Amino acid sequence: MFTRTEKRKLGIKGNEYEYTLKRRPYTKHIRLSIGRDGALSVSAPATYPIFLLKIFLSRRLDWIVKNIERLKNNPSILTVKHSELEKSQYKKQTKILVKNRLEYFNQFYYHLLGAKLIYNRISIRNQKSRWGSCSSAKNLNFNYRLCLLPPELADYIIAHELCHTKEMNHSPAFWQLVSRPIPDYKSRQKLLKKI
């Protein structure tokens, strides 16, 4: 049994909002979320009745309106659109930044562990919801907007993905590795969620 996805409309105080309804076969509870781009999403059990879903959403109208307005007035860097020329320039800047900081962190890990952390390809992409990722082949991917972040947040993302080349999870061992060059990583995580 697969997840079914459909677009639906929700009327709120004279305004109509579109949301994505995801019917999940093994979900027991309803989950409401708003993406960085202001997109409303609802996950619900496969057989949950629409009339109960409407009641659930109506009880959360104030929260929905407040958060959608907040994102409209203070959009995430991830949702800002750039021209092709701007993208090209930011990609070049981000590639230089990433290479330099990877080398910096790898020197740190070399002294700490006696060996550098091994990665393969570096890609700079136009990712809509992620700042970075590390594949099982140890390829590192970064959002082209990384160069627009404060340096301490860019450093956290770069170190985070580099550490995934050794620990492909978020285990205590992984966070221990991240914390060595970035002991305040938790506060940087919180700041990043606000951007």
N, C-alpha and C. Protein backbone atom coordinates (compact mmCIF):
# COMPACT_ATOMS: atom_id res chain seq x y z
N MET A 1 0.84 -1.19 0.00
CA MET A 1 0.00 0.00 0.00
C MET A 1 0.88 1.25 0.00
N PHE A 2 0.58 2.21 -0.88
CA PHE A 2 1.43 3.38 -1.05
C PHE A 2 0.78 4.64 -0.50
N THR A 3 1.60 5.66 -0.30
CA THR A 3 1.10 6.97 0.11
C THR A 3 0.38 7.62 -1.07
N ARG A 4 -0.83 8.12 -0.82
CA ARG A 4 -1.58 8.85 -1.84
C ARG A 4 -1.48 10.34 -1.54
N THR A 5 -1.22 11.13 -2.56
CA THR A 5 -1.07 12.57 -2.39
C THR A 5 -2.09 13.29 -3.25
N GLU A 6 -2.73 14.31 -2.66
CA GLU A 6 -3.68 15.12 -3.44
C GLU A 6 -3.63 16.56 -2.95
N LYS A 7 -3.96 17.48 -3.85
CA LYS A 7 -4.02 18.90 -3.52
C LYS A 7 -5.46 19.23 -3.11
N ARG A 8 -5.61 19.97 -2.02
CA ARG A 8 -6.93 20.37 -1.55
C ARG A 8 -6.90 21.85 -1.19
N LYS A 9 -8.08 22.43 -1.00
CA LYS A 9 -8.19 23.86 -0.64
C LYS A 9 -8.74 23.98 0.78
N LEU A 10 -8.25 25.03 1.44
CA LEU A 10 -8.70 25.31 2.80
C LEU A 10 -9.07 26.78 2.89
N GLY A 11 -10.32 27.06 3.24
CA GLY A 11 -10.77 28.45 3.39
C GLY A 11 -10.50 28.95 4.79
N ILE A 12 -9.73 30.05 4.89
CA ILE A 12 -9.40 30.63 6.20
C ILE A 12 -9.68 32.12 6.17
N LYS A 13 -10.66 32.55 6.96
CA LYS A 13 -10.96 33.97 7.13
C LYS A 13 -11.02 34.73 5.81
N GLY A 14 -11.76 34.18 4.88
CA GLY A 14 -11.94 34.84 3.58
C GLY A 14 -10.84 34.56 2.57
N ASN A 15 -9.77 33.92 3.00
CA ASN A 15 -8.68 33.55 2.08
C ASN A 15 -8.71 32.05 1.84
N GLU A 16 -8.24 31.67 0.65
CA GLU A 16 -8.19 30.25 0.32
C GLU A 16 -6.74 29.82 0.21
N TYR A 17 -6.38 28.78 0.95
CA TYR A 17 -5.02 28.25 0.94
C TYR A 17 -5.04 26.84 0.36
N GLU A 18 -4.04 26.56 -0.45
CA GLU A 18 -3.91 25.20 -0.98
C GLU A 18 -3.03 24.40 -0.04
N TYR A 19 -3.38 23.15 0.18
CA TYR A 19 -2.50 22.29 0.97
C TYR A 19 -2.39 20.92 0.32
N THR A 20 -1.33 20.23 0.63
CA THR A 20 -1.10 18.89 0.12
C THR A 20 -1.50 17.89 1.20
N LEU A 21 -2.41 17.02 0.84
CA LEU A 21 -2.84 15.96 1.75
C LEU A 21 -2.14 14.66 1.37
N LYS A 22 -1.42 14.10 2.33
CA LYS A 22 -0.72 12.84 2.10
C LYS A 22 -1.41 11.76 2.93
N ARG A 23 -1.97 10.79 2.25
CA ARG A 23 -2.62 9.65 2.91
C ARG A 23 -1.58 8.54 3.07
N ARG A 24 -1.20 8.29 4.31
CA ARG A 24 -0.15 7.29 4.57
C ARG A 24 -0.76 6.04 5.21
N PRO A 25 -0.48 4.87 4.67
CA PRO A 25 -1.11 3.64 5.17
C PRO A 25 -0.76 3.28 6.61
N TYR A 26 0.45 3.63 7.07
CA TYR A 26 0.86 3.20 8.41
C TYR A 26 0.89 4.33 9.43
N THR A 27 0.38 5.50 9.06
CA THR A 27 0.32 6.63 9.97
C THR A 27 -0.89 6.50 10.89
N LYS A 28 -0.69 6.80 12.17
CA LYS A 28 -1.80 6.71 13.12
C LYS A 28 -2.34 8.08 13.51
N HIS A 29 -1.53 9.13 13.29
CA HIS A 29 -1.91 10.47 13.72
C HIS A 29 -1.85 11.45 12.55
N ILE A 30 -2.53 12.58 12.73
CA ILE A 30 -2.47 13.65 11.73
C ILE A 30 -1.27 14.53 12.05
N ARG A 31 -0.56 14.92 11.01
CA ARG A 31 0.58 15.81 11.18
C ARG A 31 0.44 16.99 10.23
N LEU A 32 0.60 18.19 10.78
CA LEU A 32 0.48 19.42 10.01
C LEU A 32 1.84 20.10 9.96
N SER A 33 2.27 20.52 8.76
CA SER A 33 3.55 21.22 8.66
C SER A 33 3.48 22.31 7.59
N ILE A 34 4.34 23.31 7.76
CA ILE A 34 4.46 24.39 6.79
C ILE A 34 5.92 24.45 6.36
N GLY A 35 6.15 24.31 5.05
CA GLY A 35 7.51 24.33 4.52
C GLY A 35 8.10 25.73 4.55
N ARG A 36 9.40 25.83 4.27
CA ARG A 36 10.08 27.13 4.25
C ARG A 36 9.49 28.06 3.22
N ASP A 37 8.85 27.47 2.21
CA ASP A 37 8.24 28.29 1.15
C ASP A 37 6.78 28.64 1.46
N GLY A 38 6.31 28.27 2.65
CA GLY A 38 4.94 28.57 3.05
C GLY A 38 3.93 27.53 2.61
N ALA A 39 4.41 26.43 1.99
CA ALA A 39 3.50 25.37 1.52
C ALA A 39 2.98 24.56 2.70
N LEU A 40 1.66 24.43 2.76
CA LEU A 40 0.99 23.72 3.84
C LEU A 40 0.86 22.24 3.46
N SER A 41 1.18 21.37 4.41
CA SER A 41 1.14 19.93 4.15
C SER A 41 0.50 19.21 5.33
N VAL A 42 -0.34 18.24 5.03
CA VAL A 42 -1.02 17.45 6.07
C VAL A 42 -0.83 15.98 5.77
N SER A 43 -0.33 15.24 6.77
CA SER A 43 -0.24 13.78 6.66
C SER A 43 -1.33 13.18 7.52
N ALA A 44 -2.02 12.20 6.97
CA ALA A 44 -3.13 11.59 7.71
C ALA A 44 -3.20 10.09 7.40
N PRO A 45 -3.83 9.31 8.32
CA PRO A 45 -4.04 7.89 8.02
C PRO A 45 -4.85 7.72 6.74
N ALA A 46 -4.64 6.63 6.07
CA ALA A 46 -5.25 6.39 4.76
C ALA A 46 -6.78 6.48 4.78
N THR A 47 -7.41 6.10 5.87
CA THR A 47 -8.88 6.06 5.91
C THR A 47 -9.49 7.18 6.76
N TYR A 48 -8.70 8.16 7.13
CA TYR A 48 -9.21 9.23 8.00
C TYR A 48 -10.25 10.07 7.25
N PRO A 49 -11.45 10.27 7.81
CA PRO A 49 -12.52 10.99 7.10
C PRO A 49 -12.19 12.47 6.89
N ILE A 50 -12.61 12.99 5.74
CA ILE A 50 -12.36 14.39 5.39
C ILE A 50 -13.03 15.34 6.39
N PHE A 51 -14.23 15.03 6.84
CA PHE A 51 -14.92 15.96 7.75
C PHE A 51 -14.16 16.11 9.07
N LEU A 52 -13.51 15.03 9.54
CA LEU A 52 -12.70 15.12 10.76
C LEU A 52 -11.41 15.89 10.49
N LEU A 53 -10.90 15.75 9.29
CA LEU A 53 -9.70 16.50 8.89
C LEU A 53 -9.99 18.00 8.89
N LYS A 54 -11.17 18.38 8.39
CA LYS A 54 -11.57 19.79 8.37
C LYS A 54 -11.70 20.34 9.78
N ILE A 55 -12.23 19.54 10.69
CA ILE A 55 -12.34 19.96 12.09
C ILE A 55 -10.95 20.16 12.68
N PHE A 56 -10.05 19.22 12.41
CA PHE A 56 -8.66 19.32 12.88
C PHE A 56 -8.02 20.62 12.40
N LEU A 57 -8.18 20.92 11.11
CA LEU A 57 -7.57 22.13 10.54
C LEU A 57 -8.23 23.39 11.08
N SER A 58 -9.54 23.37 11.25
CA SER A 58 -10.25 24.56 11.74
C SER A 58 -9.79 24.93 13.16
N ARG A 59 -9.42 23.94 13.95
CA ARG A 59 -8.93 24.20 15.32
C ARG A 59 -7.52 24.78 15.33
N ARG A 60 -6.85 24.71 14.18
CA ARG A 60 -5.48 25.21 14.09
C ARG A 60 -5.36 26.41 13.15
N LEU A 61 -6.48 27.05 12.87
CA LEU A 61 -6.49 28.17 11.94
C LEU A 61 -5.53 29.28 12.34
N ASP A 62 -5.57 29.66 13.62
CA ASP A 62 -4.72 30.76 14.08
C ASP A 62 -3.24 30.44 13.87
N TRP A 63 -2.85 29.21 14.20
CA TRP A 63 -1.46 28.78 14.03
C TRP A 63 -1.07 28.80 12.55
N ILE A 64 -1.96 28.31 11.68
CA ILE A 64 -1.70 28.27 10.24
C ILE A 64 -1.51 29.68 9.69
N VAL A 65 -2.46 30.58 10.00
CA VAL A 65 -2.39 31.96 9.49
C VAL A 65 -1.13 32.65 9.99
N LYS A 66 -0.84 32.52 11.28
CA LYS A 66 0.32 33.18 11.88
C LYS A 66 1.62 32.75 11.20
N ASN A 67 1.76 31.45 10.97
CA ASN A 67 3.01 30.94 10.40
C ASN A 67 3.13 31.21 8.90
N ILE A 68 2.02 31.17 8.18
CA ILE A 68 2.07 31.51 6.75
C ILE A 68 2.43 32.98 6.58
N GLU A 69 1.83 33.85 7.40
CA GLU A 69 2.14 35.29 7.33
C GLU A 69 3.59 35.56 7.72
N ARG A 70 4.07 34.85 8.74
CA ARG A 70 5.47 35.02 9.16
C ARG A 70 6.43 34.69 8.03
N LEU A 71 6.15 33.61 7.31
CA LEU A 71 7.01 33.22 6.19
C LEU A 71 6.91 34.19 5.02
N LYS A 72 5.71 34.76 4.81
CA LYS A 72 5.55 35.75 3.74
C LYS A 72 6.35 37.01 4.03
N ASN A 73 6.31 37.45 5.30
CA ASN A 73 6.99 38.68 5.70
C ASN A 73 8.48 38.50 5.93
N ASN A 74 8.89 37.27 6.19
CA ASN A 74 10.30 36.99 6.47
C ASN A 74 10.70 35.70 5.76
N PRO A 75 10.77 35.74 4.42
CA PRO A 75 11.03 34.50 3.67
C PRO A 75 12.40 33.91 3.95
N SER A 76 12.48 32.60 3.88
CA SER A 76 13.75 31.90 4.05
C SER A 76 14.67 32.19 2.86
N ILE A 77 15.97 32.22 3.13
CA ILE A 77 16.96 32.38 2.05
C ILE A 77 16.76 31.28 1.01
N LEU A 78 16.32 30.10 1.49
CA LEU A 78 16.14 28.96 0.58
C LEU A 78 15.06 29.18 -0.46
N THR A 79 14.15 30.12 -0.20
CA THR A 79 13.04 30.33 -1.14
C THR A 79 13.23 31.56 -2.02
N VAL A 80 14.29 32.34 -1.76
CA VAL A 80 14.54 33.54 -2.58
C VAL A 80 15.00 33.10 -3.97
N LYS A 81 14.39 33.68 -4.99
CA LYS A 81 14.74 33.34 -6.38
C LYS A 81 15.84 34.28 -6.88
N HIS A 82 16.77 33.73 -7.64
CA HIS A 82 17.86 34.51 -8.20
C HIS A 82 17.91 34.35 -9.72
N SER A 83 18.47 35.33 -10.39
CA SER A 83 18.64 35.24 -11.84
C SER A 83 19.69 34.18 -12.15
N GLU A 84 19.75 33.76 -13.40
CA GLU A 84 20.75 32.76 -13.80
C GLU A 84 22.16 33.27 -13.58
N LEU A 85 22.37 34.57 -13.83
CA LEU A 85 23.69 35.17 -13.62
C LEU A 85 24.06 35.14 -12.14
N GLU A 86 23.10 35.51 -11.28
CA GLU A 86 23.34 35.48 -9.84
C GLU A 86 23.64 34.06 -9.36
N LYS A 87 22.85 33.09 -9.85
CA LYS A 87 23.07 31.69 -9.48
C LYS A 87 24.49 31.26 -9.85
N SER A 88 24.90 31.60 -11.05
CA SER A 88 26.23 31.23 -11.54
C SER A 88 27.32 31.82 -10.64
N GLN A 89 27.16 33.09 -10.29
CA GLN A 89 28.16 33.75 -9.43
C GLN A 89 28.16 33.14 -8.03
N TYR A 90 26.97 32.88 -7.48
CA TYR A 90 26.89 32.30 -6.14
C TYR A 90 27.45 30.88 -6.12
N LYS A 91 27.22 30.13 -7.20
CA LYS A 91 27.76 28.76 -7.27
C LYS A 91 29.29 28.78 -7.23
N LYS A 92 29.89 29.72 -7.98
CA LYS A 92 31.35 29.83 -7.98
C LYS A 92 31.87 30.21 -6.60
N GLN A 93 31.21 31.18 -5.96
CA GLN A 93 31.63 31.62 -4.63
C GLN A 93 31.50 30.48 -3.62
N THR A 94 30.38 29.75 -3.71
CA THR A 94 30.13 28.65 -2.78
C THR A 94 31.14 27.53 -2.98
N LYS A 95 31.48 27.23 -4.23
CA LYS A 95 32.46 26.16 -4.50
C LYS A 95 33.81 26.50 -3.87
N ILE A 96 34.23 27.75 -4.02
CA ILE A 96 35.51 28.18 -3.43
C ILE A 96 35.44 28.09 -1.91
N LEU A 97 34.33 28.60 -1.35
CA LEU A 97 34.13 28.57 0.11
C LEU A 97 34.17 27.13 0.63
N VAL A 98 33.43 26.24 -0.02
CA VAL A 98 33.35 24.84 0.41
C VAL A 98 34.71 24.16 0.36
N LYS A 99 35.42 24.34 -0.75
CA LYS A 99 36.75 23.70 -0.89
C LYS A 99 37.72 24.19 0.20
N ASN A 100 37.71 25.50 0.43
CA ASN A 100 38.61 26.07 1.44
C ASN A 100 38.28 25.56 2.84
N ARG A 101 37.00 25.54 3.18
CA ARG A 101 36.60 25.13 4.53
C ARG A 101 36.73 23.61 4.73
N LEU A 102 36.49 22.83 3.67
CA LEU A 102 36.72 21.39 3.78
C LEU A 102 38.19 21.10 4.08
N GLU A 103 39.06 21.83 3.40
CA GLU A 103 40.50 21.67 3.64
C GLU A 103 40.85 22.07 5.08
N TYR A 104 40.26 23.17 5.52
CA TYR A 104 40.50 23.63 6.90
C TYR A 104 40.06 22.57 7.91
N PHE A 105 38.83 22.07 7.78
CA PHE A 105 38.32 21.07 8.72
C PHE A 105 39.08 19.76 8.61
N ASN A 106 39.51 19.42 7.41
CA ASN A 106 40.25 18.16 7.25
C ASN A 106 41.62 18.24 7.90
N GLN A 107 42.23 19.42 7.91
CA GLN A 107 43.50 19.57 8.65
C GLN A 107 43.25 19.35 10.14
N PHE A 108 42.14 19.85 10.62
CA PHE A 108 41.75 19.67 12.03
C PHE A 108 41.59 18.18 12.32
N TYR A 109 40.84 17.48 11.46
CA TYR A 109 40.59 16.05 11.71
C TYR A 109 41.86 15.21 11.52
N TYR A 110 42.74 15.66 10.67
CA TYR A 110 44.01 14.95 10.49
C TYR A 110 44.79 14.97 11.80
N HIS A 111 44.85 16.13 12.46
CA HIS A 111 45.55 16.22 13.75
C HIS A 111 44.82 15.47 14.85
N LEU A 112 43.51 15.44 14.76
CA LEU A 112 42.69 14.77 15.78
C LEU A 112 42.70 13.25 15.62
N LEU A 113 42.51 12.79 14.36
CA LEU A 113 42.33 11.36 14.10
C LEU A 113 43.53 10.67 13.47
N GLY A 114 44.47 11.46 13.00
CA GLY A 114 45.64 10.89 12.32
C GLY A 114 45.39 10.60 10.86
N ALA A 115 44.22 11.00 10.36
CA ALA A 115 43.89 10.82 8.94
C ALA A 115 42.80 11.82 8.55
N LYS A 116 42.83 12.23 7.30
CA LYS A 116 41.79 13.13 6.80
C LYS A 116 40.52 12.33 6.54
N LEU A 117 39.38 13.01 6.57
CA LEU A 117 38.11 12.37 6.20
C LEU A 117 38.02 12.38 4.68
N ILE A 118 37.71 11.24 4.11
CA ILE A 118 37.73 11.07 2.66
C ILE A 118 36.38 11.37 2.04
N TYR A 119 36.36 12.23 1.03
CA TYR A 119 35.15 12.49 0.26
C TYR A 119 35.51 12.44 -1.21
N ASN A 120 34.51 12.32 -2.06
CA ASN A 120 34.75 12.23 -3.49
C ASN A 120 34.36 13.54 -4.18
N ARG A 121 33.26 13.53 -4.88
CA ARG A 121 32.86 14.70 -5.67
C ARG A 121 32.19 15.77 -4.81
N ILE A 122 32.39 17.04 -5.18
CA ILE A 122 31.68 18.15 -4.55
C ILE A 122 30.75 18.73 -5.61
N SER A 123 29.46 18.84 -5.29
CA SER A 123 28.49 19.43 -6.22
C SER A 123 27.81 20.61 -5.54
N ILE A 124 27.62 21.69 -6.30
CA ILE A 124 26.90 22.86 -5.81
C ILE A 124 25.59 22.91 -6.59
N ARG A 125 24.47 22.83 -5.86
CA ARG A 125 23.17 22.66 -6.51
C ARG A 125 22.15 23.71 -6.06
N ASN A 126 21.06 23.75 -6.81
CA ASN A 126 19.93 24.61 -6.45
C ASN A 126 18.93 23.75 -5.70
N GLN A 127 19.20 23.51 -4.40
CA GLN A 127 18.33 22.68 -3.59
C GLN A 127 17.28 23.56 -2.93
N LYS A 128 16.04 23.09 -2.90
CA LYS A 128 14.93 23.92 -2.40
C LYS A 128 14.72 23.83 -0.90
N SER A 129 15.15 22.74 -0.30
CA SER A 129 14.86 22.60 1.13
C SER A 129 16.07 22.13 1.95
N ARG A 130 17.20 21.91 1.31
CA ARG A 130 18.36 21.41 2.04
C ARG A 130 19.56 22.30 1.83
N TRP A 131 20.40 22.36 2.85
CA TRP A 131 21.65 23.12 2.74
C TRP A 131 22.79 22.23 2.25
N GLY A 132 22.70 20.95 2.56
CA GLY A 132 23.76 20.06 2.14
C GLY A 132 23.36 18.61 2.34
N SER A 133 24.14 17.72 1.73
CA SER A 133 23.91 16.28 1.90
C SER A 133 25.18 15.54 1.55
N CYS A 134 25.24 14.29 2.02
CA CYS A 134 26.38 13.42 1.72
C CYS A 134 25.82 12.09 1.27
N SER A 135 26.22 11.64 0.10
CA SER A 135 25.70 10.37 -0.43
C SER A 135 26.50 9.20 0.14
N SER A 136 25.99 8.00 -0.06
CA SER A 136 26.68 6.80 0.42
C SER A 136 28.02 6.60 -0.30
N ALA A 137 28.15 7.25 -1.48
CA ALA A 137 29.42 7.19 -2.23
C ALA A 137 30.38 8.29 -1.77
N LYS A 138 29.99 8.99 -0.69
CA LYS A 138 30.80 10.08 -0.11
C LYS A 138 30.94 11.28 -1.05
N ASN A 139 29.90 11.50 -1.85
CA ASN A 139 29.83 12.72 -2.65
C ASN A 139 29.12 13.78 -1.82
N LEU A 140 29.69 14.98 -1.78
CA LEU A 140 29.14 16.06 -0.98
C LEU A 140 28.37 17.03 -1.87
N ASN A 141 27.15 17.35 -1.47
CA ASN A 141 26.30 18.29 -2.20
C ASN A 141 25.98 19.47 -1.30
N PHE A 142 26.07 20.68 -1.87
CA PHE A 142 25.78 21.88 -1.11
C PHE A 142 24.88 22.81 -1.90
N ASN A 143 24.06 23.54 -1.18
CA ASN A 143 23.17 24.52 -1.78
C ASN A 143 23.99 25.72 -2.24
N TYR A 144 23.70 26.24 -3.43
CA TYR A 144 24.48 27.36 -3.96
C TYR A 144 24.35 28.62 -3.09
N ARG A 145 23.32 28.68 -2.24
CA ARG A 145 23.10 29.85 -1.39
C ARG A 145 23.98 29.85 -0.14
N LEU A 146 24.82 28.83 0.01
CA LEU A 146 25.66 28.71 1.21
C LEU A 146 26.52 29.96 1.42
N CYS A 147 26.98 30.57 0.33
CA CYS A 147 27.84 31.74 0.45
C CYS A 147 27.09 32.97 0.97
N LEU A 148 25.75 32.89 1.02
CA LEU A 148 24.94 34.01 1.52
C LEU A 148 24.71 33.93 3.03
N LEU A 149 25.10 32.81 3.62
CA LEU A 149 24.91 32.62 5.06
C LEU A 149 26.02 33.28 5.86
N PRO A 150 25.75 33.59 7.14
CA PRO A 150 26.84 34.01 8.02
C PRO A 150 27.91 32.91 8.05
N PRO A 151 29.20 33.27 8.11
CA PRO A 151 30.28 32.26 8.04
C PRO A 151 30.15 31.13 9.05
N GLU A 152 29.69 31.44 10.28
CA GLU A 152 29.62 30.39 11.30
C GLU A 152 28.56 29.34 10.96
N LEU A 153 27.50 29.74 10.23
CA LEU A 153 26.47 28.78 9.83
C LEU A 153 26.93 27.96 8.63
N ALA A 154 27.62 28.62 7.69
CA ALA A 154 28.18 27.88 6.55
C ALA A 154 29.18 26.85 7.05
N ASP A 155 30.01 27.23 8.02
CA ASP A 155 30.99 26.30 8.60
C ASP A 155 30.30 25.10 9.23
N TYR A 156 29.20 25.35 9.94
CA TYR A 156 28.48 24.23 10.57
C TYR A 156 27.99 23.24 9.52
N ILE A 157 27.42 23.74 8.43
CA ILE A 157 26.89 22.86 7.37
C ILE A 157 28.01 22.07 6.72
N ILE A 158 29.11 22.74 6.42
CA ILE A 158 30.24 22.08 5.74
C ILE A 158 30.84 21.00 6.64
N ALA A 159 31.07 21.33 7.91
CA ALA A 159 31.62 20.34 8.85
C ALA A 159 30.66 19.18 9.04
N HIS A 160 29.36 19.48 9.12
CA HIS A 160 28.32 18.46 9.30
C HIS A 160 28.38 17.43 8.16
N GLU A 161 28.42 17.91 6.92
CA GLU A 161 28.44 16.99 5.78
C GLU A 161 29.77 16.24 5.69
N LEU A 162 30.86 16.89 6.01
CA LEU A 162 32.16 16.21 6.01
C LEU A 162 32.16 15.07 7.02
N CYS A 163 31.57 15.28 8.19
CA CYS A 163 31.52 14.24 9.22
C CYS A 163 30.68 13.04 8.78
N HIS A 164 29.72 13.27 7.87
CA HIS A 164 28.92 12.15 7.36
C HIS A 164 29.76 11.19 6.51
N THR A 165 30.92 11.62 6.04
CA THR A 165 31.77 10.70 5.27
C THR A 165 32.35 9.62 6.19
N LYS A 166 32.38 9.89 7.49
CA LYS A 166 32.85 8.90 8.46
C LYS A 166 31.69 8.22 9.18
N GLU A 167 30.65 9.00 9.50
CA GLU A 167 29.47 8.48 10.21
C GLU A 167 28.24 8.83 9.38
N MET A 168 27.68 7.84 8.67
CA MET A 168 26.51 8.10 7.80
C MET A 168 25.20 8.02 8.59
N ASN A 169 25.13 8.77 9.67
CA ASN A 169 23.96 8.75 10.54
C ASN A 169 24.05 9.96 11.45
N HIS A 170 23.14 10.06 12.41
CA HIS A 170 23.20 11.13 13.40
C HIS A 170 23.35 10.50 14.79
N SER A 171 24.27 9.58 14.89
CA SER A 171 24.54 8.88 16.14
C SER A 171 25.35 9.78 17.09
N PRO A 172 25.46 9.38 18.36
CA PRO A 172 26.32 10.14 19.27
C PRO A 172 27.76 10.28 18.74
N ALA A 173 28.26 9.25 18.06
CA ALA A 173 29.62 9.32 17.51
C ALA A 173 29.72 10.41 16.44
N PHE A 174 28.65 10.55 15.64
CA PHE A 174 28.63 11.60 14.62
C PHE A 174 28.69 12.98 15.27
N TRP A 175 27.80 13.22 16.26
CA TRP A 175 27.75 14.54 16.90
C TRP A 175 29.02 14.83 17.67
N GLN A 176 29.66 13.80 18.20
CA GLN A 176 30.95 13.98 18.87
C GLN A 176 31.99 14.49 17.88
N LEU A 177 31.94 13.95 16.66
CA LEU A 177 32.87 14.37 15.60
C LEU A 177 32.62 15.82 15.20
N VAL A 178 31.34 16.17 15.06
CA VAL A 178 30.98 17.55 14.69
C VAL A 178 31.40 18.53 15.80
N SER A 179 31.21 18.10 17.05
CA SER A 179 31.44 19.00 18.18
C SER A 179 32.92 19.35 18.40
N ARG A 180 33.81 18.56 17.85
CA ARG A 180 35.24 18.85 18.09
C ARG A 180 35.66 20.20 17.52
N PRO A 181 35.39 20.49 16.24
CA PRO A 181 35.74 21.83 15.75
C PRO A 181 34.63 22.86 16.02
N ILE A 182 33.39 22.38 16.27
CA ILE A 182 32.26 23.30 16.46
C ILE A 182 31.52 22.92 17.75
N PRO A 183 32.09 23.29 18.91
CA PRO A 183 31.46 22.90 20.18
C PRO A 183 30.07 23.51 20.39
N ASP A 184 29.78 24.65 19.73
CA ASP A 184 28.46 25.28 19.87
C ASP A 184 27.53 24.92 18.72
N TYR A 185 27.68 23.71 18.17
CA TYR A 185 26.89 23.32 16.99
C TYR A 185 25.39 23.38 17.25
N LYS A 186 24.94 23.12 18.48
CA LYS A 186 23.50 23.13 18.77
C LYS A 186 22.91 24.53 18.59
N SER A 187 23.62 25.54 19.04
CA SER A 187 23.11 26.92 18.88
C SER A 187 23.13 27.33 17.41
N ARG A 188 24.11 26.83 16.66
CA ARG A 188 24.15 27.12 15.21
C ARG A 188 23.00 26.43 14.49
N GLN A 189 22.67 25.22 14.92
CA GLN A 189 21.51 24.51 14.36
C GLN A 189 20.24 25.34 14.53
N LYS A 190 20.04 25.86 15.73
CA LYS A 190 18.84 26.65 16.03
C LYS A 190 18.78 27.90 15.16
N LEU A 191 19.92 28.56 15.00
CA LEU A 191 19.96 29.78 14.16
C LEU A 191 19.64 29.43 12.72
N LEU A 192 20.15 28.31 12.24
CA LEU A 192 19.93 27.90 10.85
C LEU A 192 18.45 27.64 10.57
N LYS A 193 17.74 27.11 11.56
CA LYS A 193 16.31 26.83 11.38
C LYS A 193 15.48 28.10 11.23
N LYS A 194 16.03 29.21 11.68
CA LYS A 194 15.32 30.49 11.59
C LYS A 194 15.57 31.21 10.26
N ILE A 195 16.50 30.69 9.48
CA ILE A 195 16.87 31.36 8.22
C ILE A 195 16.08 30.78 7.05
